[in-house]
Each structure stands twice: as structure tokens, then as C-alpha cells.
Amino acid sequence: MCARRQHHIGTEQWYECSEPSDDPVITCFLAPEWMNLAEETWLCSDALKSEDKRWRSSYGEDSY
């Protein structure tokens, strides 16, 4: 993960990147204007977790 500069949004850590990550466990989005970052700056993190998936002990059938 790129680590130019770190930001905290809520309880999660985000990193400034010049492009989104190809890694499927990394979530990225273009930084909003109100953050006053350079144009085309992406914020990326691997810390996001679904509340539903954190507390469920099993999942429905997902095979083909």
C-alpha cells in the first residue's frame, strides 16, 4: 500500500495514493475537495470491515 501521508477518518487509517490499489482487500476512493488534497489523490485503507461479517459465525451457500 502506498504510504505518502496518513489520515484518520473515524477510527480507520487512510493513506494518500496517486492511484487506486489493485489489491481486492484495499478500499480506495478519490479524496473529496473538502480535504484540500492535491487533485486526483486517492485515499486507500485495508481496515474496512462489514459489521455483518464481523459478527456472523457462518455464511450462506456460496459455491457454484
C-alpha atoms as a PDB file:
ATOM      1  CA  MET A   1       0.000   0.000   0.000  1.00  0.00           C
ATOM      2  CA  CYS A   2       1.265   3.466  -0.768  1.00  0.00           C
ATOM      3  CA  ALA A   3       2.025   5.475   2.320  1.00  0.00           C
ATOM      4  CA  ARG A   4       2.661   9.057   1.300  1.00  0.00           C
ATOM      5  CA  ARG A   5       0.676  10.565   4.139  1.00  0.00           C
ATOM      6  CA  GLN A   6      -1.636   9.037   6.709  1.00  0.00           C
ATOM      7  CA  HIS A   7      -5.113  10.365   7.615  1.00  0.00           C
ATOM      8  CA  HIS A   8      -7.632   9.262  10.228  1.00  0.00           C
ATOM      9  CA  ILE A   9     -11.292   9.149   9.220  1.00  0.00           C
ATOM     10  CA  GLY A  10     -13.374   7.948  12.113  1.00  0.00           C
ATOM     11  CA  THR A  11     -11.407   5.095  13.635  1.00  0.00           C
ATOM     12  CA  GLU A  12      -9.804   3.970  10.359  1.00  0.00           C
ATOM     13  CA  GLN A  13      -6.382   4.873   8.947  1.00  0.00           C
ATOM     14  CA  TRP A  14      -6.242   6.012   5.329  1.00  0.00           C
ATOM     15  CA  TYR A  15      -3.231   6.638   3.106  1.00  0.00           C
ATOM     16  CA  GLU A  16      -2.795   9.108   0.251  1.00  0.00           C
ATOM     17  CA  CYS A  17      -2.086   7.361  -3.032  1.00  0.00           C
ATOM     18  CA  SER A  18      -1.576   8.526  -6.605  1.00  0.00           C
ATOM     19  CA  GLU A  19      -3.793   5.705  -7.938  1.00  0.00           C
ATOM     20  CA  PRO A  20      -6.183   3.081  -6.537  1.00  0.00           C
ATOM     21  CA  SER A  21      -4.786  -0.264  -5.423  1.00  0.00           C
ATOM     22  CA  ASP A  22      -5.215  -3.454  -7.458  1.00  0.00           C
ATOM     23  CA  ASP A  23      -5.422  -5.460  -4.220  1.00  0.00           C
ATOM     24  CA  PRO A  24      -9.052  -6.588  -3.629  1.00  0.00           C
ATOM     25  CA  VAL A  25      -8.770  -6.152   0.169  1.00  0.00           C
ATOM     26  CA  ILE A  26      -7.796  -2.485  -0.175  1.00  0.00           C
ATOM     27  CA  THR A  27     -10.614   0.066  -0.434  1.00  0.00           C
ATOM     28  CA  CYS A  28      -9.839   3.315  -2.263  1.00  0.00           C
ATOM     29  CA  PHE A  29     -11.768   6.428  -3.222  1.00  0.00           C
ATOM     30  CA  LEU A  30     -10.901   9.805  -4.713  1.00  0.00           C
ATOM     31  CA  ALA A  31     -10.343  12.346  -1.950  1.00  0.00           C
ATOM     32  CA  PRO A  32     -13.189  14.871  -1.672  1.00  0.00           C
ATOM     33  CA  GLU A  33     -12.483  18.583  -2.252  1.00  0.00           C
ATOM     34  CA  TRP A  34     -13.106  19.460   1.408  1.00  0.00           C
ATOM     35  CA  MET A  35      -9.931  17.547   2.380  1.00  0.00           C
ATOM     36  CA  ASN A  36      -7.861  20.099   0.401  1.00  0.00           C
ATOM     37  CA  LEU A  37      -5.541  17.427  -1.016  1.00  0.00           C
ATOM     38  CA  ALA A  38      -3.946  17.508  -4.458  1.00  0.00           C
ATOM     39  CA  GLU A  39      -6.235  16.760  -7.401  1.00  0.00           C
ATOM     40  CA  GLU A  40      -6.538  13.050  -8.286  1.00  0.00           C
ATOM     41  CA  THR A  41      -5.412  11.956  -4.789  1.00  0.00           C
ATOM     42  CA  TRP A  42      -6.792   8.574  -3.755  1.00  0.00           C
ATOM     43  CA  LEU A  43      -7.369   7.561  -0.132  1.00  0.00           C
ATOM     44  CA  CYS A  44      -6.818   3.849   0.498  1.00  0.00           C
ATOM     45  CA  SER A  45      -7.219   1.558   3.503  1.00  0.00           C
ATOM     46  CA  ASP A  46      -7.295  -2.142   4.290  1.00  0.00           C
ATOM     47  CA  ALA A  47      -9.065  -1.590   7.613  1.00  0.00           C
ATOM     48  CA  LEU A  48     -12.703  -1.527   6.496  1.00  0.00           C
ATOM     49  CA  LYS A  49     -14.858  -4.363   7.749  1.00  0.00           C
ATOM     50  CA  SER A  50     -18.526  -5.099   7.301  1.00  0.00           C
ATOM     51  CA  GLU A  51     -20.345  -5.131  10.638  1.00  0.00           C
ATOM     52  CA  ASP A  52     -22.483  -8.005   9.310  1.00  0.00           C
ATOM     53  CA  LYS A  53     -19.423 -10.127   8.529  1.00  0.00           C
ATOM     54  CA  ARG A  54     -17.660  -9.319  11.773  1.00  0.00           C
ATOM     55  CA  TRP A  55     -20.400 -10.826  13.920  1.00  0.00           C
ATOM     56  CA  ARG A  56     -21.790 -13.704  11.850  1.00  0.00           C
ATOM     57  CA  SER A  57     -20.200 -17.092  12.507  1.00  0.00           C
ATOM     58  CA  SER A  58     -21.379 -18.647   9.224  1.00  0.00           C
ATOM     59  CA  TYR A  59     -22.453 -17.598   5.744  1.00  0.00           C
ATOM     60  CA  GLY A  60     -24.956 -18.922   3.266  1.00  0.00           C
ATOM     61  CA  GLU A  61     -24.035 -21.262   0.437  1.00  0.00           C
ATOM     62  CA  ASP A  62     -21.594 -19.544  -1.914  1.00  0.00           C
ATOM     63  CA  SER A  63     -20.366 -22.399  -4.122  1.00  0.00           C
ATOM     64  CA  TYR A  64     -21.281 -22.591  -7.758  1.00  0.00           C
END
